[in-house]
Structures are given as C-alpha cells and as structure tokens.
C-alpha cells in the first residue's frame, strides 16, 4: 500500500513539470506590442490597395485624355460651338467622334463602379468593357469615313483602343495578382 502514494506523487510531480510556468513566458515589450497593433490597424483602415488606386487613376486618365483629344478635334474642325452642335445634336455615325468620347465615359463608369466602388476581384468587368470597346472601334473604323477627315481619323480610335487594352493588361497582370499575393501573405 505504500507504493500507491509514491506513484501518485510521481504522477503529480511530472504533470506539474509539463505545465509551463510564468518563468517560461517571454516578456512582452509594450513598444513592440503597440507597433504591431498599429500596423494591423493601418492595414484594416486602408480601403483600397495602392495598385488598385493606380489602376483607377489610369482609368480616369483614359477618360480625360480622350476628352482632351475630342475637344482638340472640335477646335481644329472650325470652332467648338459649331462643331459640337454638328457632332452631338446632328450626330452622324460615319463622321462624328462623339461616340468615341461616350465610349470612354462608358469604360470609366463601368470600371470605376466595378473596381473602385464595389472592389471587384474578378476580370469580367474589364473583359466586357474591352470587348465592347474593341468591337465598336473596329466597326467604326470599317464603316465610317474617319480616315478621310485627317489625323484625328486615325489618332482618336487608335488611342482609345490602346488605352482600353493597357487597362486590361494592367488589371490582369498587376492589380489582381498583387492583391492575391498580399491576401495570401496576410493569411500566412
């Protein structure tokens, strides 16, 4: 009967030794703790990533650049007021650049809505806008008489086409992969 209490003492002492004591816990530096908390708070407060913000800025640049080119075209053709009336009020598909401007407005609205306001993480919106832009510009170049109107017959459709594809490339190869990488690093 003496053996049972001894075995109980050994079992009790081995279980006490396996539990960590306060001496085993490292000390916590309050400065390091506050720095970590602030870095986590900073990440959560940040609403939109830097690369997505750059993409939205480029989409805005696209709209403003096409608008500027269209205004220059209006001025070159003989005054803004008369040409604006001719291109907007008396719209003719074969000779007006107003639809290319509206195409830039369409791209801007869809992309800003999808990627800035809704923070979409998929490529379907950019694919849709690029497909619409490409198809419209291709039809416009084939059907219209823009090439007979001078340099803007070439410049405005080509620039609009190039900007749409640069936006697609930027979102597909920069924005979405970098955000996915940042998300994975946060999870790890």
C-alpha atoms as a PDB file:
ATOM      1  CA  UNK A   1       0.000   0.000   0.000  1.00  0.00           C
ATOM      2  CA  UNK A   2       2.958   2.281   0.400  1.00  0.00           C
ATOM      3  CA  UNK A   3       3.655   2.113  -3.315  1.00  0.00           C
ATOM      4  CA  UNK A   4       0.414   3.770  -4.363  1.00  0.00           C
ATOM      5  CA  UNK A   5       1.029   7.109  -2.660  1.00  0.00           C
ATOM      6  CA  UNK A   6       4.563   7.228  -4.107  1.00  0.00           C
ATOM      7  CA  UNK A   7       3.268   6.596  -7.605  1.00  0.00           C
ATOM      8  CA  UNK A   8       0.669   9.278  -7.132  1.00  0.00           C
ATOM      9  CA  UNK A   9       3.369  11.750  -6.056  1.00  0.00           C
ATOM     10  CA  UNK A  10       5.480  10.914  -9.129  1.00  0.00           C
ATOM     11  CA  UNK A  11       2.486  11.308 -11.402  1.00  0.00           C
ATOM     12  CA  UNK A  12       1.599  14.623  -9.764  1.00  0.00           C
ATOM     13  CA  UNK A  13       5.153  15.990  -9.958  1.00  0.00           C
ATOM     14  CA  UNK A  14       5.531  15.000 -13.632  1.00  0.00           C
ATOM     15  CA  UNK A  15       2.279  16.726 -14.570  1.00  0.00           C
ATOM     16  CA  UNK A  16       3.374  19.884 -12.753  1.00  0.00           C
ATOM     17  CA  UNK A  17       6.693  19.867 -14.605  1.00  0.00           C
ATOM     18  CA  UNK A  18       4.984  19.585 -18.005  1.00  0.00           C
ATOM     19  CA  UNK A  19       2.874  22.719 -17.436  1.00  0.00           C
ATOM     20  CA  UNK A  20       4.589  25.967 -18.398  1.00  0.00           C
ATOM     21  CA  UNK A  21       5.306  28.376 -15.629  1.00  0.00           C
ATOM     22  CA  UNK A  22       5.413  32.148 -15.701  1.00  0.00           C
ATOM     23  CA  UNK A  23       9.195  31.978 -15.939  1.00  0.00           C
ATOM     24  CA  UNK A  24       8.881  30.233 -19.328  1.00  0.00           C
ATOM     25  CA  UNK A  25       6.733  33.002 -20.891  1.00  0.00           C
ATOM     26  CA  UNK A  26       8.886  35.668 -22.591  1.00  0.00           C
ATOM     27  CA  UNK A  27       8.408  39.235 -21.501  1.00  0.00           C
ATOM     28  CA  UNK A  28       6.292  41.464 -23.702  1.00  0.00           C
ATOM     29  CA  UNK A  29       7.740  44.783 -24.713  1.00  0.00           C
ATOM     30  CA  UNK A  30       4.891  47.375 -24.725  1.00  0.00           C
ATOM     31  CA  UNK A  31       6.511  49.385 -27.532  1.00  0.00           C
ATOM     32  CA  UNK A  32       6.698  46.339 -29.813  1.00  0.00           C
ATOM     33  CA  UNK A  33       3.131  45.402 -28.942  1.00  0.00           C
ATOM     34  CA  UNK A  34       1.818  48.877 -29.832  1.00  0.00           C
ATOM     35  CA  UNK A  35       3.776  48.881 -33.097  1.00  0.00           C
ATOM     36  CA  UNK A  36       2.206  45.563 -34.080  1.00  0.00           C
ATOM     37  CA  UNK A  37      -1.290  46.710 -33.153  1.00  0.00           C
ATOM     38  CA  UNK A  38      -0.874  49.945 -35.147  1.00  0.00           C
ATOM     39  CA  UNK A  39       0.405  48.043 -38.197  1.00  0.00           C
ATOM     40  CA  UNK A  40      -2.646  45.762 -38.128  1.00  0.00           C
ATOM     41  CA  UNK A  41      -4.977  48.717 -37.675  1.00  0.00           C
ATOM     42  CA  UNK A  42      -3.307  50.512 -40.581  1.00  0.00           C
ATOM     43  CA  UNK A  43      -3.903  47.534 -42.854  1.00  0.00           C
ATOM     44  CA  UNK A  44      -7.582  47.319 -41.953  1.00  0.00           C
ATOM     45  CA  UNK A  45      -8.150  51.066 -42.346  1.00  0.00           C
ATOM     46  CA  UNK A  46      -6.670  51.060 -45.823  1.00  0.00           C
ATOM     47  CA  UNK A  47      -9.709  50.728 -48.052  1.00  0.00           C
ATOM     48  CA  UNK A  48      -8.117  50.217 -51.438  1.00  0.00           C
ATOM     49  CA  UNK A  49      -4.717  48.852 -52.388  1.00  0.00           C
ATOM     50  CA  UNK A  50      -2.068  51.074 -53.940  1.00  0.00           C
ATOM     51  CA  UNK A  51      -2.034  49.119 -57.194  1.00  0.00           C
ATOM     52  CA  UNK A  52      -5.845  49.310 -57.482  1.00  0.00           C
ATOM     53  CA  UNK A  53      -5.698  53.051 -56.805  1.00  0.00           C
ATOM     54  CA  UNK A  54      -3.153  53.371 -59.620  1.00  0.00           C
ATOM     55  CA  UNK A  55      -5.465  51.408 -61.910  1.00  0.00           C
ATOM     56  CA  UNK A  56      -8.392  53.718 -61.085  1.00  0.00           C
ATOM     57  CA  UNK A  57      -6.160  56.712 -61.702  1.00  0.00           C
ATOM     58  CA  UNK A  58      -5.226  55.321 -65.114  1.00  0.00           C
ATOM     59  CA  UNK A  59      -8.909  54.765 -65.956  1.00  0.00           C
ATOM     60  CA  UNK A  60      -9.525  58.415 -65.050  1.00  0.00           C
ATOM     61  CA  UNK A  61      -6.570  59.423 -67.217  1.00  0.00           C
ATOM     62  CA  UNK A  62      -8.106  57.458 -70.097  1.00  0.00           C
ATOM     63  CA  UNK A  63     -11.351  59.439 -69.864  1.00  0.00           C
ATOM     64  CA  UNK A  64      -9.602  62.792 -69.531  1.00  0.00           C
ATOM     65  CA  UNK A  65      -7.166  62.094 -72.366  1.00  0.00           C
ATOM     66  CA  UNK A  66      -9.898  61.011 -74.791  1.00  0.00           C
ATOM     67  CA  UNK A  67     -11.932  64.078 -73.747  1.00  0.00           C
ATOM     68  CA  UNK A  68      -8.959  66.339 -74.383  1.00  0.00           C
ATOM     69  CA  UNK A  69      -8.342  64.806 -77.817  1.00  0.00           C
ATOM     70  CA  UNK A  70     -12.031  65.177 -78.690  1.00  0.00           C
ATOM     71  CA  UNK A  71     -12.042  68.847 -77.615  1.00  0.00           C
ATOM     72  CA  UNK A  72      -8.905  69.465 -79.704  1.00  0.00           C
ATOM     73  CA  UNK A  73     -10.631  67.777 -82.642  1.00  0.00           C
ATOM     74  CA  UNK A  74     -13.686  70.024 -82.154  1.00  0.00           C
ATOM     75  CA  UNK A  75     -11.451  73.094 -82.148  1.00  0.00           C
ATOM     76  CA  UNK A  76      -9.491  72.032 -85.230  1.00  0.00           C
ATOM     77  CA  UNK A  77     -12.628  71.464 -87.295  1.00  0.00           C
ATOM     78  CA  UNK A  78     -13.748  75.078 -87.003  1.00  0.00           C
ATOM     79  CA  UNK A  79     -14.706  76.142 -83.507  1.00  0.00           C
ATOM     80  CA  UNK A  80     -16.018  74.266 -80.536  1.00  0.00           C
ATOM     81  CA  UNK A  81     -19.613  75.573 -80.592  1.00  0.00           C
ATOM     82  CA  UNK A  82     -20.395  74.874 -84.241  1.00  0.00           C
ATOM     83  CA  UNK A  83     -18.598  71.538 -84.339  1.00  0.00           C
ATOM     84  CA  UNK A  84     -20.144  70.458 -81.031  1.00  0.00           C
ATOM     85  CA  UNK A  85     -23.593  71.202 -82.416  1.00  0.00           C
ATOM     86  CA  UNK A  86     -22.779  69.266 -85.586  1.00  0.00           C
ATOM     87  CA  UNK A  87     -21.303  66.226 -83.775  1.00  0.00           C
ATOM     88  CA  UNK A  88     -23.754  65.996 -80.871  1.00  0.00           C
ATOM     89  CA  UNK A  89     -27.091  67.441 -81.980  1.00  0.00           C
ATOM     90  CA  UNK A  90     -26.787  66.341 -85.629  1.00  0.00           C
ATOM     91  CA  UNK A  91     -24.942  63.125 -84.854  1.00  0.00           C
ATOM     92  CA  UNK A  92     -23.686  61.135 -87.842  1.00  0.00           C
ATOM     93  CA  UNK A  93     -22.042  57.778 -87.150  1.00  0.00           C
ATOM     94  CA  UNK A  94     -19.748  57.999 -90.117  1.00  0.00           C
ATOM     95  CA  UNK A  95     -18.230  61.393 -89.345  1.00  0.00           C
ATOM     96  CA  UNK A  96     -18.616  62.094 -85.616  1.00  0.00           C
ATOM     97  CA  UNK A  97     -16.137  61.441 -82.809  1.00  0.00           C
ATOM     98  CA  UNK A  98     -18.758  61.968 -80.102  1.00  0.00           C
ATOM     99  CA  UNK A  99     -19.387  58.233 -79.839  1.00  0.00           C
ATOM    100  CA  UNK A 100     -15.707  57.570 -79.104  1.00  0.00           C
ATOM    101  CA  UNK A 101     -15.956  60.081 -76.266  1.00  0.00           C
ATOM    102  CA  UNK A 102     -19.119  58.321 -74.994  1.00  0.00           C
ATOM    103  CA  UNK A 103     -17.256  55.010 -75.218  1.00  0.00           C
ATOM    104  CA  UNK A 104     -14.565  56.431 -72.905  1.00  0.00           C
ATOM    105  CA  UNK A 105     -17.286  57.622 -70.496  1.00  0.00           C
ATOM    106  CA  UNK A 106     -18.839  54.138 -70.583  1.00  0.00           C
ATOM    107  CA  UNK A 107     -15.471  52.492 -69.816  1.00  0.00           C
ATOM    108  CA  UNK A 108     -14.813  54.943 -66.993  1.00  0.00           C
ATOM    109  CA  UNK A 109     -18.200  54.421 -65.330  1.00  0.00           C
ATOM    110  CA  UNK A 110     -18.150  50.620 -65.527  1.00  0.00           C
ATOM    111  CA  UNK A 111     -14.548  50.229 -64.382  1.00  0.00           C
ATOM    112  CA  UNK A 112     -14.726  52.728 -61.527  1.00  0.00           C
ATOM    113  CA  UNK A 113     -18.014  51.229 -60.357  1.00  0.00           C
ATOM    114  CA  UNK A 114     -16.667  47.682 -60.525  1.00  0.00           C
ATOM    115  CA  UNK A 115     -13.110  48.109 -59.272  1.00  0.00           C
ATOM    116  CA  UNK A 116     -13.226  51.193 -57.027  1.00  0.00           C
ATOM    117  CA  UNK A 117     -16.692  51.221 -55.532  1.00  0.00           C
ATOM    118  CA  UNK A 118     -17.551  47.505 -55.499  1.00  0.00           C
ATOM    119  CA  UNK A 119     -13.892  46.404 -55.231  1.00  0.00           C
ATOM    120  CA  UNK A 120     -14.453  43.521 -57.603  1.00  0.00           C
ATOM    121  CA  UNK A 121     -11.705  40.890 -57.618  1.00  0.00           C
ATOM    122  CA  UNK A 122     -12.522  39.343 -60.968  1.00  0.00           C
ATOM    123  CA  UNK A 123     -11.665  40.193 -64.550  1.00  0.00           C
ATOM    124  CA  UNK A 124     -15.159  40.054 -66.110  1.00  0.00           C
ATOM    125  CA  UNK A 125     -15.834  43.840 -65.997  1.00  0.00           C
ATOM    126  CA  UNK A 126     -12.577  44.746 -67.745  1.00  0.00           C
ATOM    127  CA  UNK A 127     -13.122  41.947 -70.263  1.00  0.00           C
ATOM    128  CA  UNK A 128     -16.600  43.274 -71.014  1.00  0.00           C
ATOM    129  CA  UNK A 129     -15.501  46.893 -71.469  1.00  0.00           C
ATOM    130  CA  UNK A 130     -12.513  45.910 -73.613  1.00  0.00           C
ATOM    131  CA  UNK A 131     -14.640  43.656 -75.808  1.00  0.00           C
ATOM    132  CA  UNK A 132     -17.280  46.368 -76.292  1.00  0.00           C
ATOM    133  CA  UNK A 133     -14.606  48.984 -76.993  1.00  0.00           C
ATOM    134  CA  UNK A 134     -12.728  46.782 -79.460  1.00  0.00           C
ATOM    135  CA  UNK A 135     -15.860  45.711 -81.334  1.00  0.00           C
ATOM    136  CA  UNK A 136     -17.240  49.242 -81.521  1.00  0.00           C
ATOM    137  CA  UNK A 137     -13.976  50.793 -82.681  1.00  0.00           C
ATOM    138  CA  UNK A 138     -13.426  48.069 -85.252  1.00  0.00           C
ATOM    139  CA  UNK A 139     -16.916  48.618 -86.672  1.00  0.00           C
ATOM    140  CA  UNK A 140     -16.441  52.392 -86.553  1.00  0.00           C
ATOM    141  CA  UNK A 141     -13.186  52.215 -88.499  1.00  0.00           C
ATOM    142  CA  UNK A 142     -14.610  49.836 -91.118  1.00  0.00           C
ATOM    143  CA  UNK A 143     -17.972  51.570 -91.651  1.00  0.00           C
ATOM    144  CA  UNK A 144     -17.193  55.256 -91.090  1.00  0.00           C
ATOM    145  CA  UNK A 145     -15.308  57.791 -93.134  1.00  0.00           C
ATOM    146  CA  UNK A 146     -12.983  58.857 -90.323  1.00  0.00           C
ATOM    147  CA  UNK A 147      -9.771  58.282 -92.274  1.00  0.00           C
ATOM    148  CA  UNK A 148     -10.752  60.879 -94.829  1.00  0.00           C
ATOM    149  CA  UNK A 149     -11.001  63.526 -92.087  1.00  0.00           C
ATOM    150  CA  UNK A 150      -7.331  63.915 -91.358  1.00  0.00           C
ATOM    151  CA  UNK A 151      -5.098  62.889 -88.486  1.00  0.00           C
ATOM    152  CA  UNK A 152      -7.858  62.625 -85.896  1.00  0.00           C
ATOM    153  CA  UNK A 153      -9.476  59.940 -88.003  1.00  0.00           C
ATOM    154  CA  UNK A 154      -6.504  57.801 -87.040  1.00  0.00           C
ATOM    155  CA  UNK A 155      -5.495  59.149 -83.651  1.00  0.00           C
ATOM    156  CA  UNK A 156      -8.699  59.064 -81.627  1.00  0.00           C
ATOM    157  CA  UNK A 157      -9.776  55.475 -82.414  1.00  0.00           C
ATOM    158  CA  UNK A 158      -6.234  54.106 -82.102  1.00  0.00           C
ATOM    159  CA  UNK A 159      -5.570  55.845 -78.764  1.00  0.00           C
ATOM    160  CA  UNK A 160      -8.922  54.701 -77.392  1.00  0.00           C
ATOM    161  CA  UNK A 161      -8.173  51.126 -78.463  1.00  0.00           C
ATOM    162  CA  UNK A 162      -4.675  51.157 -76.977  1.00  0.00           C
ATOM    163  CA  UNK A 163      -5.801  52.646 -73.656  1.00  0.00           C
ATOM    164  CA  UNK A 164      -8.546  50.027 -73.280  1.00  0.00           C
ATOM    165  CA  UNK A 165      -6.037  47.217 -73.798  1.00  0.00           C
ATOM    166  CA  UNK A 166      -3.472  48.789 -71.449  1.00  0.00           C
ATOM    167  CA  UNK A 167      -6.158  48.910 -68.750  1.00  0.00           C
ATOM    168  CA  UNK A 168      -6.889  45.225 -69.370  1.00  0.00           C
ATOM    169  CA  UNK A 169      -3.228  44.291 -69.192  1.00  0.00           C
ATOM    170  CA  UNK A 170      -2.665  46.351 -66.047  1.00  0.00           C
ATOM    171  CA  UNK A 171      -5.617  44.823 -64.182  1.00  0.00           C
ATOM    172  CA  UNK A 172      -4.898  41.269 -65.288  1.00  0.00           C
ATOM    173  CA  UNK A 173      -1.138  41.248 -64.772  1.00  0.00           C
ATOM    174  CA  UNK A 174      -0.623  43.763 -61.968  1.00  0.00           C
ATOM    175  CA  UNK A 175      -3.711  44.509 -59.856  1.00  0.00           C
ATOM    176  CA  UNK A 176      -5.324  41.101 -59.388  1.00  0.00           C
ATOM    177  CA  UNK A 177      -2.098  39.055 -58.904  1.00  0.00           C
ATOM    178  CA  UNK A 178      -0.566  41.563 -56.491  1.00  0.00           C
ATOM    179  CA  UNK A 179      -3.734  41.752 -54.398  1.00  0.00           C
ATOM    180  CA  UNK A 180      -3.981  37.950 -54.336  1.00  0.00           C
ATOM    181  CA  UNK A 181      -0.353  37.776 -53.216  1.00  0.00           C
ATOM    182  CA  UNK A 182      -0.970  40.330 -50.454  1.00  0.00           C
ATOM    183  CA  UNK A 183      -4.057  38.398 -49.333  1.00  0.00           C
ATOM    184  CA  UNK A 184      -2.088  35.152 -49.181  1.00  0.00           C
ATOM    185  CA  UNK A 185       0.697  36.786 -47.193  1.00  0.00           C
ATOM    186  CA  UNK A 186      -1.848  38.141 -44.687  1.00  0.00           C
ATOM    187  CA  UNK A 187      -3.317  34.687 -44.230  1.00  0.00           C
ATOM    188  CA  UNK A 188       0.094  33.175 -43.609  1.00  0.00           C
END
